[in-house]
Structures are given as C-alpha cells and as structure tokens.
Protein backbone atom coordinates (compact mmCIF):
# COMPACT_ATOMS: atom_id res chain seq x y z
CA MET A 1 10.60 128.24 65.85
CA GLY A 2 11.25 124.72 67.08
CA LEU A 3 11.64 122.29 69.96
CA TYR A 4 13.85 123.47 72.83
CA LEU A 5 15.13 121.79 76.00
CA LEU A 6 15.86 123.70 79.20
CA ASP A 7 18.74 122.24 81.21
CA TYR A 8 19.13 123.88 84.62
CA GLY A 9 22.44 122.13 85.24
CA ALA A 10 21.70 119.16 87.50
CA GLY A 11 20.91 115.51 86.89
CA ASN A 12 20.82 113.41 83.78
CA VAL A 13 19.15 115.18 80.86
CA ARG A 14 21.12 113.21 78.26
CA SER A 15 18.59 110.38 78.43
CA LEU A 16 15.78 112.73 77.40
CA ALA A 17 17.90 114.05 74.55
CA ASN A 18 18.56 110.47 73.45
CA SER A 19 14.83 109.70 73.63
CA LEU A 20 13.98 112.62 71.38
CA THR A 21 16.66 111.60 68.90
CA ASN A 22 15.38 108.03 68.98
CA LEU A 23 11.90 109.32 68.10
CA GLY A 24 13.29 111.29 65.17
CA TYR A 25 13.03 114.81 66.59
CA HIS A 26 15.60 117.58 66.38
CA PHE A 27 15.93 120.05 69.23
CA LYS A 28 18.04 122.87 70.59
CA TRP A 29 19.09 123.78 74.12
CA ILE A 30 17.95 126.99 75.79
CA SER A 31 21.20 128.91 76.10
CA SER A 32 19.95 132.49 76.55
CA PRO A 33 16.72 134.33 77.47
CA ASP A 34 16.13 135.13 73.79
CA ASP A 35 15.81 131.41 72.96
CA PHE A 36 12.39 131.28 74.63
CA LYS A 37 11.03 133.50 71.86
CA LYS A 38 12.27 131.01 69.25
CA ALA A 39 10.65 127.99 70.89
CA SER A 40 7.38 126.55 69.61
CA LYS A 41 7.58 123.72 72.18
CA LEU A 42 9.57 123.61 75.41
CA ILE A 43 10.63 120.73 77.65
CA PHE A 44 11.98 121.32 81.15
CA PRO A 45 13.42 118.02 82.49
CA GLY A 46 15.51 117.24 85.50
CA VAL A 47 16.10 115.69 88.88
CA GLY A 48 17.71 117.30 91.87
CA ALA A 49 16.91 119.95 94.40
CA PHE A 50 14.09 122.49 94.09
CA GLN A 51 16.36 125.30 95.27
CA SER A 52 19.07 124.42 92.73
CA ALA A 53 16.58 124.73 89.90
CA ILE A 54 15.20 128.10 91.08
CA ASP A 55 18.67 129.49 91.84
CA HIS A 56 19.97 128.50 88.42
CA LEU A 57 17.00 130.04 86.62
CA ASN A 58 17.47 133.27 88.55
CA ALA A 59 21.24 133.40 88.12
CA SER A 60 21.05 132.78 84.38
CA GLY A 61 18.22 135.25 83.78
CA LEU A 62 15.85 132.52 82.62
CA LEU A 63 13.14 132.72 85.28
CA GLU A 64 11.12 135.63 83.87
CA PRO A 65 11.41 134.44 80.23
CA LEU A 66 10.17 131.02 81.40
CA LYS A 67 7.13 132.65 83.04
CA GLU A 68 6.44 134.58 79.85
CA TYR A 69 6.67 131.40 77.80
CA LEU A 70 4.24 129.57 80.07
CA SER A 71 1.69 132.38 79.71
CA SER A 72 2.11 132.52 75.93
CA GLY A 73 -0.01 129.45 75.24
CA ARG A 74 2.80 127.51 73.57
CA PRO A 75 3.18 123.85 74.67
CA TYR A 76 5.24 123.11 77.77
CA LEU A 77 6.30 119.68 79.07
CA GLY A 78 7.77 119.60 82.56
CA ILE A 79 9.44 116.47 83.95
CA CYS A 80 10.03 115.93 87.69
CA ILE A 81 11.55 119.27 88.79
CA GLY A 82 9.91 120.71 85.67
CA LEU A 83 6.58 119.91 87.34
CA GLN A 84 7.48 120.93 90.87
CA ILE A 85 8.71 124.45 90.07
CA LEU A 86 5.21 125.31 88.80
CA PHE A 87 4.01 125.25 92.42
CA GLU A 88 4.34 128.03 94.98
CA SER A 89 7.00 126.38 97.14
CA SER A 90 8.55 123.10 98.24
CA ALA A 91 9.17 121.60 101.67
CA GLU A 92 12.59 120.60 100.33
CA ASN A 93 13.71 124.25 100.39
CA PRO A 94 11.01 126.38 102.06
CA SER A 95 12.92 129.62 101.52
CA SER A 96 12.90 129.22 97.73
CA LYS A 97 9.77 130.35 95.93
CA GLY A 98 8.47 128.50 92.89
CA LEU A 99 6.70 130.02 89.91
CA GLY A 100 3.39 130.03 91.77
CA ILE A 101 1.34 129.09 88.71
CA ILE A 102 -0.34 126.34 90.72
CA PRO A 103 -1.63 127.67 94.09
CA SER A 104 -0.32 124.85 96.25
CA ALA A 105 2.91 123.57 97.80
CA ILE A 106 5.11 120.56 97.20
CA GLU A 107 5.39 118.50 100.39
CA SER A 108 7.52 115.60 101.56
CA PHE A 109 6.41 111.97 101.64
CA ASN A 110 5.87 110.52 105.06
CA HIS A 111 7.87 107.41 105.99
CA ASP A 112 4.88 105.48 107.28
CA SER A 113 5.17 101.92 105.92
CA LYS A 114 7.32 102.84 102.94
CA SER A 115 10.80 103.88 101.92
CA VAL A 116 11.65 107.36 100.70
CA PRO A 117 12.65 108.32 98.01
CA HIS A 118 9.74 106.88 96.03
CA MET A 119 12.05 105.08 93.64
CA GLY A 120 10.73 102.65 91.06
CA TRP A 121 7.84 101.87 88.75
CA ASN A 122 4.29 102.77 89.67
CA SER A 123 0.91 103.06 87.96
CA VAL A 124 -1.19 106.17 87.32
CA GLU A 125 -4.94 106.74 87.49
CA LEU A 126 -6.71 109.22 85.22
CA LEU A 127 -9.11 111.80 86.56
CA ASP A 128 -12.25 112.83 84.64
CA ILE A 129 -12.24 109.85 82.30
CA GLY A 130 -14.32 110.58 79.22
CA GLN A 131 -14.09 114.34 79.48
CA THR A 132 -10.40 114.95 79.99
CA THR A 133 -8.87 112.82 77.24
CA ALA A 134 -6.08 110.44 78.13
CA GLU A 135 -4.00 111.19 75.02
CA TYR A 136 -0.56 110.73 76.53
CA ILE A 137 -1.29 108.44 79.47
CA GLU A 138 -1.74 104.66 79.50
CA GLU A 139 -3.40 103.50 82.72
CA HIS A 140 -2.32 99.90 82.19
CA SER A 141 1.36 100.91 81.98
CA HIS A 142 3.88 101.63 84.71
CA TYR A 143 6.13 104.69 84.73
CA TYR A 144 9.42 105.31 86.52
CA PHE A 145 9.41 107.64 89.53
CA VAL A 146 12.32 108.87 91.63
CA HIS A 147 11.48 111.64 94.12
CA SER A 148 11.15 112.42 97.82
CA TYR A 149 8.66 115.30 97.50
CA ARG A 150 5.23 115.37 95.89
CA ALA A 151 2.08 117.38 95.29
CA THR A 152 -0.72 116.05 97.47
CA TYR A 153 -3.98 115.43 95.65
CA ASP A 154 -6.38 117.81 97.40
CA PRO A 155 -9.77 118.14 95.69
CA SER A 156 -10.85 120.78 98.24
CA ASN A 157 -8.32 123.22 96.76
CA LEU A 158 -10.33 123.91 93.62
CA LEU A 159 -7.79 126.22 92.01
CA ALA A 160 -5.02 123.64 92.35
CA ALA A 161 -7.23 120.61 91.71
CA LYS A 162 -8.15 121.74 88.21
CA TRP A 163 -4.53 121.12 87.21
CA ALA A 164 -4.53 117.49 88.35
CA HIS A 165 -4.61 115.06 85.44
CA THR A 166 -3.61 111.75 87.05
CA THR A 167 -2.92 110.51 90.55
CA THR A 168 -0.60 107.80 91.85
CA GLN A 169 -0.62 105.99 95.16
CA TYR A 170 2.52 105.14 97.11
CA GLY A 171 1.90 103.41 100.39
CA ASN A 172 -1.08 105.17 101.92
CA GLU A 173 -0.52 108.49 100.11
CA VAL A 174 -2.26 109.64 96.93
CA PHE A 175 -0.38 112.35 95.03
CA VAL A 176 -0.60 114.17 91.71
CA SER A 177 1.52 112.33 89.14
CA THR A 178 0.68 114.48 86.09
CA ILE A 179 -0.85 117.91 85.61
CA ARG A 180 -2.54 119.21 82.48
CA HIS A 181 -4.14 122.61 81.95
CA ARG A 182 -4.31 124.53 78.70
CA ASN A 183 -0.80 124.50 77.18
CA ILE A 184 0.95 122.99 80.21
CA PHE A 185 1.53 119.26 80.70
CA ALA A 186 3.92 117.92 83.32
CA THR A 187 4.85 114.57 84.83
CA GLN A 188 6.29 113.67 88.21
CA PHE A 189 7.66 110.47 86.65
CA HIS A 190 10.36 110.26 83.99
CA PRO A 191 8.99 109.24 80.57
CA GLU A 192 12.53 109.06 79.19
CA LYS A 193 13.23 106.31 81.76
CA SER A 194 9.87 104.55 81.43
CA GLY A 195 10.66 102.20 78.56
CA ASP A 196 8.30 101.93 75.60
CA ALA A 197 5.39 103.46 77.52
CA GLY A 198 7.46 106.57 78.18
CA LEU A 199 8.56 106.83 74.56
CA ARG A 200 4.93 106.60 73.45
CA LEU A 201 4.00 109.41 75.83
CA LEU A 202 6.77 111.65 74.49
CA SER A 203 5.81 110.84 70.91
CA ALA A 204 2.15 111.72 71.55
CA TRP A 205 3.05 115.08 73.10
CA LEU A 206 5.57 115.95 70.42
CA SER A 207 3.19 115.12 67.56
CA LYS A 208 0.33 117.23 68.93
CA PRO A 209 -0.27 120.45 66.91
CA VAL A 210 1.26 123.50 68.58
CA HIS A 211 -1.89 125.63 68.62
CA GLU A 212 -4.44 122.97 69.56
CA GLU A 213 -6.40 124.23 72.56
CA VAL A 214 -6.89 122.11 75.66
CA PRO A 215 -10.33 122.76 77.18
CA GLU A 216 -10.75 124.03 80.72
CA THR A 217 -11.49 121.35 83.28
CA SER A 218 -14.96 121.94 84.64
CA ILE A 219 -15.64 118.71 86.52
CA SER A 220 -15.66 118.83 90.30
CA ARG A 221 -12.88 116.79 91.85
CA LEU A 222 -13.61 113.90 94.17
CA PRO A 223 -11.44 112.57 96.98
CA ARG A 224 -9.31 109.54 96.18
CA PRO A 225 -9.11 107.42 99.34
CA PRO A 226 -6.06 105.12 99.44
CA LYS A 227 -6.54 101.63 98.06
CA PRO A 228 -5.48 98.54 100.06
CA ILE A 229 -2.57 98.00 97.67
CA ASP A 230 -0.76 100.64 95.64
CA GLY A 231 0.62 100.16 92.13
CA PHE A 232 4.27 100.20 93.19
CA THR A 233 6.24 97.31 91.69
CA LYS A 234 9.27 95.34 92.81
CA ARG A 235 12.32 96.00 90.61
CA ILE A 236 14.52 93.42 88.93
CA ILE A 237 17.99 94.78 88.22
CA ALA A 238 20.55 93.29 85.86
CA CYS A 239 24.10 94.07 86.95
CA MET A 240 27.17 93.99 84.72
CA ASP A 241 30.67 93.94 86.21
CA VAL A 242 32.81 95.65 83.58
CA ARG A 243 36.58 95.50 83.32
CA THR A 244 39.33 95.42 80.75
CA ASN A 245 40.53 92.08 79.49
CA ASP A 246 44.17 91.39 78.73
CA GLN A 247 43.75 92.95 75.29
CA GLY A 248 42.49 96.22 76.77
CA ASP A 249 38.84 95.80 75.73
CA LEU A 250 35.98 96.39 78.15
CA VAL A 251 33.97 93.22 78.73
CA VAL A 252 31.29 92.02 81.12
CA THR A 253 32.72 89.49 83.52
CA LYS A 254 31.72 87.64 86.66
CA GLY A 255 33.48 85.41 89.15
CA ASP A 256 33.15 83.75 92.51
CA GLN A 257 34.14 85.98 95.42
CA TYR A 258 35.35 88.60 92.89
CA ASP A 259 37.85 86.26 91.15
CA VAL A 260 37.07 86.86 87.47
CA ARG A 261 39.84 84.90 85.76
CA GLU A 262 39.24 81.56 84.06
CA LYS A 263 40.67 78.49 85.75
CA SER A 264 42.13 75.40 84.17
CA SER A 265 40.35 72.13 84.82
CA PRO A 266 41.59 68.57 84.28
CA SER A 267 38.06 67.62 83.23
CA THR A 268 38.09 69.82 80.15
CA LEU A 269 40.33 70.31 77.19
CA GLN A 270 39.53 74.06 77.12
CA THR A 271 42.66 75.15 78.97
CA LYS A 272 43.90 77.83 76.57
CA SER A 273 41.74 80.45 78.27
CA ALA A 274 43.00 79.61 81.75
CA GLY A 275 44.09 82.79 83.53
CA ALA A 276 42.25 85.10 81.13
CA VAL A 277 39.57 87.51 82.26
CA ARG A 278 36.22 85.75 81.91
CA ASN A 279 34.36 87.34 78.99
CA LEU A 280 30.56 87.06 79.17
CA GLY A 281 29.78 89.65 76.54
CA LYS A 282 29.97 93.30 75.55
CA PRO A 283 28.40 95.70 78.07
CA VAL A 284 26.34 97.75 75.59
CA THR A 285 25.01 94.62 73.85
CA LEU A 286 24.03 92.98 77.13
CA ALA A 287 22.45 96.19 78.41
CA ALA A 288 20.19 96.36 75.34
CA ARG A 289 19.30 92.69 75.71
CA TYR A 290 18.33 93.01 79.35
CA SER A 291 16.30 96.14 78.74
CA ALA A 292 14.35 94.41 75.97
CA ALA A 293 13.79 91.40 78.26
CA GLY A 294 12.11 93.57 80.90
CA ALA A 295 14.87 94.55 83.34
CA ASP A 296 13.57 97.44 85.45
CA GLU A 297 17.04 98.91 85.89
CA LEU A 298 20.58 98.29 84.75
CA CYS A 299 23.78 98.60 86.73
CA LEU A 300 27.27 98.93 85.24
CA LEU A 301 30.09 98.50 87.77
CA ASN A 302 33.61 99.29 86.63
CA ILE A 303 35.84 96.84 88.53
CA THR A 304 39.04 97.78 86.67
CA SER A 305 41.64 99.92 88.39
CA PHE A 306 41.90 103.17 86.45
CA ARG A 307 45.15 103.62 84.60
CA HIS A 308 45.19 107.37 85.15
CA SER A 309 41.94 108.76 86.60
CA PRO A 310 38.21 108.25 86.02
CA LEU A 311 38.01 111.39 83.88
CA HIS A 312 40.93 110.38 81.67
CA ASP A 313 40.04 106.73 81.17
CA GLN A 314 37.36 107.42 78.60
CA PRO A 315 36.25 103.88 77.57
CA MET A 316 33.83 103.53 80.50
CA LEU A 317 32.29 106.92 79.78
CA ALA A 318 31.92 105.83 76.16
CA VAL A 319 30.12 102.66 77.31
CA VAL A 320 27.69 104.74 79.35
CA ARG A 321 27.01 107.08 76.42
CA ALA A 322 26.43 104.19 74.04
CA ALA A 323 24.16 102.33 76.46
CA ALA A 324 22.11 105.46 77.19
CA GLU A 325 21.44 105.94 73.48
CA THR A 326 19.44 102.73 73.21
CA VAL A 327 18.35 101.87 76.76
CA PHE A 328 15.44 103.81 78.24
CA VAL A 329 15.34 102.46 81.78
CA PRO A 330 17.37 103.79 84.75
CA LEU A 331 21.13 103.27 84.62
CA THR A 332 23.45 103.14 87.65
CA ILE A 333 27.23 103.48 87.29
CA GLY A 334 29.78 102.45 89.89
CA GLY A 335 33.56 102.41 90.17
CA GLY A 336 35.93 105.33 90.67
CA ILE A 337 33.36 107.73 92.12
CA LYS A 338 35.79 109.38 94.51
CA ASP A 339 38.18 112.27 94.88
CA THR A 340 41.16 111.68 92.64
CA GLN A 341 43.71 113.53 90.57
CA ASP A 342 44.87 113.70 86.98
CA PRO A 343 48.31 112.46 85.96
CA ASP A 344 49.56 116.07 86.09
CA GLY A 345 48.40 116.41 89.69
CA THR A 346 45.20 118.36 89.01
CA PRO A 347 42.70 117.43 91.74
CA ARG A 348 39.31 116.05 90.66
CA SER A 349 36.45 115.73 93.10
CA ALA A 350 33.97 112.90 93.31
CA LEU A 351 31.34 115.48 92.37
CA GLU A 352 33.16 116.18 89.08
CA VAL A 353 33.47 112.48 88.31
CA ALA A 354 29.78 111.89 89.03
CA GLY A 355 28.84 114.89 86.91
CA GLU A 356 30.64 113.43 83.91
CA TYR A 357 28.72 110.17 84.25
CA PHE A 358 25.40 111.99 84.63
CA ARG A 359 26.11 114.00 81.48
CA ALA A 360 27.00 110.77 79.69
CA GLY A 361 23.60 109.29 80.53
CA ALA A 362 23.78 107.74 84.02
CA ASP A 363 20.93 108.31 86.47
CA LYS A 364 22.64 107.17 89.66
CA VAL A 365 26.20 106.59 90.83
CA SER A 366 27.26 103.81 93.17
CA ILE A 367 29.83 104.46 95.91
CA GLY A 368 31.61 101.64 97.74
CA SER A 369 34.76 101.91 99.83
CA GLU A 370 34.58 105.70 99.96
CA ALA A 371 31.26 105.41 101.78
CA VAL A 372 32.88 103.21 104.43
CA TYR A 373 35.62 105.75 105.08
CA ALA A 374 33.10 108.60 105.23
CA VAL A 375 30.91 106.81 107.77
CA GLU A 376 33.96 105.95 109.87
CA ARG A 377 34.92 109.65 109.92
CA MET A 378 31.36 110.60 110.82
CA LEU A 379 31.24 108.18 113.76
CA ALA A 380 34.66 109.32 114.98
CA ALA A 381 33.39 112.92 114.90
CA GLY A 382 30.41 112.13 117.07
CA GLY A 383 27.87 111.55 114.31
CA CYS A 384 28.45 114.62 112.13
CA GLY A 385 29.48 114.50 108.48
CA ASP A 386 32.41 116.60 107.32
CA GLY A 387 30.54 117.89 104.26
CA ILE A 388 33.24 116.77 101.84
CA SER A 389 32.41 113.10 101.31
CA ALA A 390 31.26 111.89 97.91
CA MET A 391 27.82 111.05 99.32
CA GLU A 392 27.30 114.51 100.79
CA THR A 393 28.56 116.57 97.87
CA ILE A 394 26.75 114.57 95.18
CA ALA A 395 23.50 114.42 97.13
CA TYR A 396 23.60 118.18 97.71
CA ALA A 397 24.11 118.95 94.03
CA TYR A 398 21.99 116.25 92.40
CA GLY A 399 19.66 115.00 95.12
CA ARG A 400 19.95 111.91 97.31
CA GLN A 401 18.09 109.82 94.73
CA ALA A 402 21.25 109.97 92.59
CA VAL A 403 23.45 108.35 95.27
CA VAL A 404 23.62 104.57 95.77
CA VAL A 405 25.89 103.09 98.43
CA SER A 406 27.18 99.59 97.70
CA ILE A 407 27.83 97.55 100.85
CA ASP A 408 30.05 94.45 100.76
CA PRO A 409 29.84 92.65 104.12
CA ARG A 410 31.00 89.21 105.14
CA ARG A 411 30.10 87.07 108.12
CA THR A 412 32.34 87.27 111.18
CA PHE A 413 31.73 84.33 113.51
CA VAL A 414 31.78 84.77 117.29
CA ASP A 415 30.99 82.90 120.47
CA PRO A 416 27.66 84.41 121.62
CA ASP A 417 28.36 83.55 125.25
CA THR A 418 31.59 85.53 125.41
CA TYR A 419 31.18 88.22 122.72
CA GLU A 420 30.76 91.69 124.26
CA GLY A 421 31.51 93.87 121.23
CA ARG A 422 29.32 96.78 120.15
CA HIS A 423 27.69 94.62 117.47
CA LYS A 424 26.13 92.30 120.03
CA GLY A 425 22.64 93.53 119.18
CA GLU A 426 23.14 92.52 115.54
CA LEU A 427 24.20 88.91 116.10
CA VAL A 428 22.53 86.27 113.96
CA ARG A 429 22.12 82.70 115.18
CA GLY A 430 22.18 80.13 112.43
CA SER A 431 19.55 77.48 111.87
CA GLY A 432 19.28 74.31 109.80
CA ASP A 433 22.68 73.45 108.34
CA GLU A 434 24.16 76.44 110.16
CA ALA A 435 22.74 75.63 113.59
CA GLY A 436 25.20 76.35 116.36
CA LYS A 437 26.92 79.19 114.49
CA THR A 438 26.61 82.86 115.43
CA TRP A 439 27.89 85.84 113.47
CA TRP A 440 27.62 89.53 112.70
CA TYR A 441 28.05 91.16 109.31
CA GLN A 442 31.33 93.04 108.99
CA SER A 443 31.90 95.72 106.35
CA THR A 444 34.80 95.49 103.92
CA VAL A 445 36.63 97.72 101.44
CA SER A 446 38.80 97.13 98.38
CA GLY A 447 36.49 94.57 96.82
CA GLY A 448 36.10 92.58 100.03
CA ARG A 449 39.81 92.16 100.61
CA GLU A 450 40.01 94.31 103.77
CA LEU A 451 37.80 94.07 106.85
CA ARG A 452 36.74 97.19 108.80
CA ASP A 453 35.42 97.46 112.35
CA LEU A 454 32.05 98.63 111.05
CA SER A 455 28.93 96.53 110.70
CA ALA A 456 26.71 96.47 107.63
CA VAL A 457 23.92 98.01 109.73
CA GLU A 458 26.17 100.85 110.96
CA LEU A 459 27.33 101.49 107.43
CA ALA A 460 23.81 101.55 106.00
CA GLN A 461 22.51 103.89 108.70
CA GLY A 462 25.53 106.17 108.37
CA ALA A 463 25.20 106.28 104.59
CA GLU A 464 21.54 107.23 104.89
CA LYS A 465 22.46 110.08 107.23
CA LEU A 466 25.15 111.36 104.87
CA GLY A 467 22.87 111.50 101.83
CA ALA A 468 22.52 108.06 100.25
CA GLY A 469 19.18 107.52 98.56
CA GLU A 470 19.50 103.76 98.12
CA ILE A 471 21.49 100.82 99.51
CA LEU A 472 22.89 98.10 97.23
CA LEU A 473 23.40 95.23 99.67
CA ASN A 474 25.84 92.54 98.55
CA SER A 475 27.01 89.43 100.39
CA ILE A 476 30.56 88.20 99.91
CA ASP A 477 29.65 84.87 101.50
CA ARG A 478 26.81 84.25 99.03
CA ASP A 479 28.34 85.75 95.89
CA GLY A 480 28.35 83.19 93.07
CA THR A 481 26.97 80.36 95.20
CA GLY A 482 23.46 80.19 93.73
CA LEU A 483 22.16 79.33 97.20
CA GLY A 484 19.81 82.30 97.37
CA PHE A 485 19.98 85.74 98.91
CA ASP A 486 21.22 86.10 102.50
CA ILE A 487 17.81 86.68 104.07
CA ASP A 488 19.20 87.34 107.57
CA LEU A 489 21.51 90.09 106.32
CA ILE A 490 18.83 91.69 104.19
CA ARG A 491 16.28 91.71 106.99
CA LEU A 492 18.75 93.40 109.34
CA VAL A 493 19.54 96.22 106.94
CA ARG A 494 15.99 96.63 105.62
CA LYS A 495 14.74 97.23 109.18
CA ALA A 496 17.60 99.61 109.97
CA VAL A 497 17.06 102.23 107.23
CA ARG A 498 14.19 104.18 105.67
CA ILE A 499 15.60 104.38 102.14
CA PRO A 500 15.16 101.73 99.43
CA VAL A 501 17.30 98.58 99.61
CA VAL A 502 18.44 96.42 96.68
CA ALA A 503 19.19 92.79 97.56
CA SER A 504 22.19 91.30 95.78
CA SER A 505 24.39 88.17 95.73
CA GLY A 506 23.43 84.51 95.74
CA ALA A 507 20.42 84.25 93.43
CA GLY A 508 20.38 80.92 91.60
CA THR A 509 16.72 80.45 90.68
CA ALA A 510 13.65 82.56 89.93
CA ALA A 511 12.19 81.32 93.22
CA HIS A 512 14.98 83.09 95.12
CA PHE A 513 13.63 86.45 93.92
CA VAL A 514 10.15 85.57 95.17
CA GLU A 515 11.62 84.55 98.52
CA VAL A 516 13.60 87.74 99.08
CA PHE A 517 10.62 89.97 98.31
CA GLU A 518 8.21 87.98 100.44
CA LYS A 519 10.53 87.57 103.44
CA THR A 520 12.34 90.92 103.62
CA GLY A 521 10.23 93.64 101.98
CA VAL A 522 13.12 95.05 99.92
CA GLU A 523 12.24 97.22 96.95
CA ALA A 524 14.53 95.55 94.41
CA ALA A 525 16.68 92.49 93.77
CA LEU A 526 19.76 92.25 91.58
CA ALA A 527 21.59 89.46 89.80
CA ALA A 528 24.44 89.18 87.36
CA GLY A 529 26.01 85.84 86.45
CA ILE A 530 22.79 83.82 86.20
CA PHE A 531 21.46 86.38 83.71
CA HIS A 532 24.71 86.54 81.72
CA ARG A 533 24.91 82.75 81.43
CA GLU A 534 21.13 82.53 80.84
CA GLU A 535 20.75 80.02 83.65
CA VAL A 536 17.78 82.17 84.67
CA LYS A 537 16.16 84.71 82.38
CA ILE A 538 14.58 87.98 83.45
CA GLU A 539 11.34 86.79 81.85
CA ASP A 540 11.45 83.72 84.13
CA VAL A 541 11.80 85.93 87.20
CA LYS A 542 8.90 88.17 86.16
CA GLU A 543 6.70 85.13 85.54
CA ALA A 544 7.59 83.65 88.94
CA LEU A 545 6.76 86.94 90.67
CA LYS A 546 3.43 87.13 88.84
CA ASN A 547 2.51 83.58 89.83
CA ALA A 548 3.39 84.34 93.46
CA GLY A 549 1.29 87.50 93.53
CA VAL A 550 4.29 89.84 93.79
CA ASN A 551 3.62 93.06 91.90
CA SER A 552 6.15 93.57 89.10
CA ARG A 553 6.28 95.50 85.85
CA SER A 554 5.39 93.67 82.67
CA VAL A 555 7.15 94.51 79.42
CA ASN A 556 4.99 96.78 77.25
C-alpha cells in the first residue's frame, strides 16, 4: 500500500510529482486497474478537457476501478480536472458523463466584466468555520487557478452543497473552490503551483492518517452574495530570454530591440566582451531567485535558433526540468513550438513539441510567428481555422489555458487625413511629445524583423478564436526603453479580446506597473531586464501595488 498518482495523459503533472518529492514523499503512478487496490492514498491531478479525462479513463479501463476506490473510504485528492470529474457532467463537453458522485454540473464562467479563463491567484473562503475544520486551507493565502469551467455554489441543492468546503469569487460569480466529504478532498486550484501555501496544503493532506474519519457536514448552507471586490490578484511575471552564448552554454540575456550582443564603448575600458552574447545569469538560478522574491509566474523564452529540432536540442528541456524541480509557481515556455522535423526527416508536430515541454514541467507554451501565419490563413479562408495550427491542436489536447500567443507589434505611422486602409478604426493619435503623429500597430514575425499586413488587434482576436487562452503583448517600440508600457496599444488589445492579457515591454520603474494596471485593466504585467539588472526588484513592484491599492499576492 502507498501513495499513487493518476495521470490521464494531458497537462503538466510533473510539477505535482516534483512537489511530492520536495516534501519527501515517494509515490508510484497508476499504470493498471490493479494498482488501485495497492493504493492507500490517491491523487488525481491535471488540466485539460473534461472529455479527454473521461475518454482516457474509459479507454484504459480505469474508470470503474476509480469509482471503487472512491467508495472504499481511502483518501482521495483531486486537483482541477480531478475535482470536476466527480460531478455529473460539464458544459465543456455535455455529451461526456462524469462520475456523478456529486449531483450537480460543471458550468462555464460568464464573460461579464472579467476575462476567461480564470487565470491567476485568488483567495478562498471557508464554509462552516468552527465545525468543518480548516486543516488544509489558509484563508489569508492566495492559490493559483487556471480554468474556464466551475461548480457554482448553490446552497439550495442540499445534496451537492454538503460537499462544498470553500468558495472563491471571480468577478460577480461565487463558485466552489474546494470540496471535502468523508475521504474525498479536491481543489479547483493547483496547490503544486501555489508556492509555499500550496506545499503546506499538500503536506497537511499527505500527513493525515489514512483511516481518520471526516465527519458528515450537518450545517445548513447559506447563500454567498458577491462582494464588491473579489480576491483576484494582478500577476507580476519575470521573463527570461534564454539563448546559447558563443561557448554553447544557455544563459539569460536581454537587449534593446532584440539585439543581445555587447557593444564596445569609448567611455569604458571593458571592450573585451564586445560582440559577445550578453550574459545576465543562469536561467535556473534566476528562476529560483524570482520565485523566492514573489514572482507570480515565470516565463522562459528560447530565442536561439535550434541546431536540429526542438526535440533534439535537449538543453532547453533540461532547463525546464531543473527549474520545475525547485520552482512551484506557473512556468511558461516559448520558442520552437511549431511543426518541424528531425534531421532524418521525421516530421514532428507542434503538439509533440508542446507535450515534451509539459512533461518536463511547463504549464503553458508561448507561440509567436506561427500564430501570425495561422491567423492569416484563417482570415484568408473567411474566418475558419484549418484545424492544424499549433494553437488549435494544443488547445484541443491540453485546453486553451495552456496556449499563450506572443504578439510583437510595432507602430506604423500614417497620415490620418489620407489613410483609408482596413486598420482605420484602430488608429491612435499621439499626445504630449507625440502630438501630431498618428499610427496603427502592425504585427511582425521573426523577432520583429518582418512586418505583416495584420494589426495587433486582428492578431489577438484571431488567436482567441483559434484557441489561445492568453495574450502576451509586447511592444517593439518600447522594448528596453524604460519609458513605461505602451498604454495605447494595451488598451486597444485589452478591449478587443475576452481572454487574459499580459502587458510587456518598456517597464522602467515600479510605478509603471501601477500605471498599466490602473489604466488598462490587464491581468498581468511582465518585465525582464530591469529585474535581471536589479534596477527594480519584484518586491519593489509588489510594495508599489500595495500602496496604490492594487490587489497583488504577497509572499507567504
């Protein structure tokens, strides 16, 4: 008898495995129906589609043994999909039936005044304080959520309500964030991605005696009307551009307008490094430092051209594995997520490449130029995707929350009196120092080196339609300037899509983060060079947000 993990084949479960190892626990994977009989504790983690989970359990003969385990009284911890499959059905895939243990359905979030997926850190509120013990949950802590579907908190459904353990509010909706009844405990959030608070939750559940009974809930449930402000926090993301230096080692680098090589200067004697790739540190070391400092997410972007193919150039995969072993916040990987082929001509799909990164410990993959080409094809076909783009295939297999589209626009100046192009409705008129100038934001590919006849707004909307769950919005004009985020650009895109948007490029002070959140409503803001050079620290940004009344996660 021992601890077992059930992997249904989608999403990043490596992070949970790393969390358990970090806590000193040994475990085995469920590999056959007979393994359920050997388990004294079972964890079912995962992100992705409801139907994928049910189909995999059926196809592998694990569905009935899972039901038998749940009725045996032995402890069960479900995470995300591991919670949702306990319900009767899901609006995500109405034709697929869940386990039906909880007599209620999983429904979709509405888009009223908020972005979907619900992606980021949020608080939880215990029900029945004093009679249902908290044990695993810390109300003062924030936990990491990433989902588009949820269980509505409905106290009138008494059979379902007795399972509710905590609720969370997102926008004007109150949903069930954890359930607890007898031997079953499950979370909609990801404890393995919730920093120290998540590790403490896992440790508390793992250390609980196997046969300790959980009393029946006998308290009548009360409605939870929405509060004026939910507990959702703004995210601060530390980004690391990773590439090989001239010695073949992977380093974190950063440049102005994507030029990452050192330049000689007559004002300094340090000319020996001129022409070398700028080295700002080792990616795994910096990732650990930023996580400890309170970064809400980390982003690793491989900006090196692959020598052979993404699946054969193993150093980047090794970096992801090493980072995921010590960093317990969400991790996004970008670079090379596209259809490719091995040196021997064997084709490799973007889905395969993404799958390798998920298995290494990534939570999301970032797609750049390939997204531009896919949206161009979609528009040329009258607004229909071809079903083969990286965004579509990865979102179908792993869920849209796993797909980030990185947009790299630059300003294209026009005469507003004579311009009659299709981007006329997106023109921005400058003010202050830029008074008299008018422009639209033109998409680029190949690291900003090639312009395309596609606006940033068109690209963002097209990416959302094809399956993107988040937009990473860069600005070539602002990159490395320290002048602040391009507020005009960010406002345009934020208003154009219903998925979360990450503002990037141009931050030079902590006040710039306050400004972008207050003026645009984006869910997250990202920086790189100022963090690497410690011109601004993540702690400084969090303190500035707190002083300005912007809700952000504190390190705990």
